[in-house]
Amino acid sequence: STTGRFSFTNAGTYRISVSLSIEINTASTVTISAELSGVEKYTTDITVTSAGSPVNHAFEIILVVTAAQYVEVAVDSTTASLVICRAGCSIAISRLVSDNADLTGDGLYLQITYQIN
């Protein structure tokens, strides 16, 4: 996704795995959030203590979505003027079992993986 928005074609339960390497131009607190169609589902603040030193952060969330909903992940700082997600950051979206009939199979398959270069 060039916009950072990932849309769901099929309803279901999805695992969103995010791995970030963040660099900023001044020591600051950085807010990381994930939203489902504009509704915040995850947020955390991390402190970056020195400019130019990357900080790694990873998280996973499970979301139940309907078709046409979307997920967005944002990294923001109110004090740093430059926030960079370094090469190697990734978002993996996996669809989990959708109903009891799926329990006879492996029930988990990779939907999409996006890597920032």
Protein backbone atom coordinates (compact mmCIF):
# COMPACT_ATOMS: atom_id res chain seq x y z
CA SER A 1 0.00 0.00 0.00
CA THR A 2 1.41 3.37 -0.94
CA THR A 3 -0.99 5.16 1.43
CA GLY A 4 -0.52 2.96 4.50
CA ARG A 5 -4.15 1.83 4.28
CA PHE A 6 -4.91 -1.87 3.87
CA SER A 7 -8.48 -2.74 2.85
CA PHE A 8 -10.21 -6.05 3.49
CA THR A 9 -12.11 -7.70 0.65
CA ASN A 10 -13.44 -10.52 2.84
CA ALA A 11 -14.99 -10.35 6.29
CA GLY A 12 -13.30 -12.45 8.96
CA THR A 13 -10.87 -12.52 11.85
CA TYR A 14 -7.38 -11.26 11.06
CA ARG A 15 -4.06 -11.08 12.87
CA ILE A 16 -2.15 -7.87 12.15
CA SER A 17 1.59 -8.18 12.90
CA VAL A 18 3.63 -4.96 12.80
CA SER A 19 7.40 -4.61 13.11
CA LEU A 20 8.85 -1.10 13.13
CA SER A 21 12.30 0.45 13.29
CA ILE A 22 11.79 4.14 14.04
CA GLU A 23 14.29 6.98 13.82
CA ILE A 24 13.65 10.64 14.66
CA ASN A 25 15.65 13.86 14.47
CA THR A 26 15.39 14.78 18.18
CA ALA A 27 14.75 12.92 21.44
CA SER A 28 11.00 12.61 21.77
CA THR A 29 8.02 10.48 22.67
CA VAL A 30 6.55 8.73 19.65
CA THR A 31 2.96 7.50 19.46
CA ILE A 32 2.27 4.31 17.51
CA SER A 33 -1.33 3.49 16.70
CA ALA A 34 -3.44 1.10 14.66
CA GLU A 35 -6.95 1.96 13.54
CA LEU A 36 -9.74 -0.07 11.98
CA SER A 37 -11.76 2.18 9.65
CA GLY A 38 -10.82 5.23 11.72
CA VAL A 39 -11.46 3.64 15.15
CA GLU A 40 -8.37 3.26 17.32
CA LYS A 41 -7.68 -0.37 18.26
CA TYR A 42 -4.10 -0.10 19.54
CA THR A 43 -1.95 2.75 20.80
CA THR A 44 1.27 3.06 22.74
CA ASP A 45 3.86 5.72 23.45
CA ILE A 46 7.57 4.93 23.26
CA THR A 47 10.46 7.20 24.17
CA VAL A 48 13.31 7.70 21.74
CA THR A 49 16.17 9.05 23.84
CA SER A 50 18.61 10.17 21.17
CA ALA A 51 18.35 11.46 17.63
CA GLY A 52 19.58 9.13 14.92
CA SER A 53 19.35 5.97 17.06
CA PRO A 54 16.65 3.63 15.80
CA VAL A 55 14.13 2.14 18.22
CA ASN A 56 12.48 -1.17 17.38
CA HIS A 57 8.86 -1.87 18.28
CA ALA A 58 6.63 -4.80 17.35
CA PHE A 59 3.04 -5.66 18.16
CA GLU A 60 0.20 -7.94 17.09
CA ILE A 61 -3.53 -7.39 17.28
CA ILE A 62 -6.51 -9.58 16.38
CA LEU A 63 -9.38 -7.81 14.62
CA VAL A 64 -12.81 -8.96 13.47
CA VAL A 65 -13.54 -7.05 10.26
CA THR A 66 -16.29 -6.75 7.71
CA ALA A 67 -15.71 -6.50 3.97
CA ALA A 68 -14.53 -3.04 2.85
CA GLN A 69 -13.13 -2.05 6.26
CA TYR A 70 -9.49 -0.97 6.38
CA VAL A 71 -6.59 -0.91 8.82
CA GLU A 72 -4.00 1.85 9.13
CA VAL A 73 -0.84 2.01 11.26
CA ALA A 74 0.55 5.42 12.17
CA VAL A 75 3.74 6.67 13.80
CA ASP A 76 3.65 10.25 15.05
CA SER A 77 5.46 12.69 17.32
CA THR A 78 4.28 16.09 18.51
CA THR A 79 7.84 17.34 19.10
CA ALA A 80 10.07 15.71 16.46
CA SER A 81 9.87 17.29 13.03
CA LEU A 82 11.08 14.15 11.26
CA VAL A 83 9.90 10.60 12.00
CA ILE A 84 11.33 7.84 9.78
CA CYS A 85 10.26 4.21 9.52
CA ARG A 86 13.52 2.65 8.42
CA ALA A 87 13.95 0.00 5.74
CA GLY A 88 12.81 -3.40 6.94
CA CYS A 89 9.63 -2.26 8.69
CA SER A 90 6.78 -4.63 7.87
CA ILE A 91 3.08 -5.26 8.27
CA ALA A 92 1.79 -8.82 7.88
CA ILE A 93 -1.93 -9.52 7.72
CA SER A 94 -3.11 -13.10 8.21
CA ARG A 95 -6.68 -14.34 8.07
CA LEU A 96 -7.52 -16.72 10.90
CA VAL A 97 -10.17 -19.46 10.93
CA SER A 98 -13.47 -17.98 9.85
CA ASP A 99 -15.85 -20.68 11.13
CA ASN A 100 -15.89 -24.15 12.69
CA ALA A 101 -15.72 -25.83 9.29
CA ASP A 102 -12.21 -24.43 8.87
CA LEU A 103 -10.97 -26.28 11.95
CA THR A 104 -10.39 -29.42 9.87
CA GLY A 105 -7.77 -27.59 7.78
CA ASP A 106 -4.77 -25.58 8.87
CA GLY A 107 -7.05 -22.60 9.45
CA LEU A 108 -4.37 -19.98 8.92
CA TYR A 109 -3.05 -18.55 5.72
CA LEU A 110 -1.02 -15.53 4.77
CA GLN A 111 -3.12 -12.77 3.25
CA ILE A 112 -0.59 -9.97 2.63
CA THR A 113 2.86 -8.88 3.72
CA TYR A 114 4.11 -5.35 3.09
CA GLN A 115 7.69 -4.30 3.66
CA ILE A 116 8.89 -0.71 3.72
CA ASN A 117 12.15 -0.24 1.81
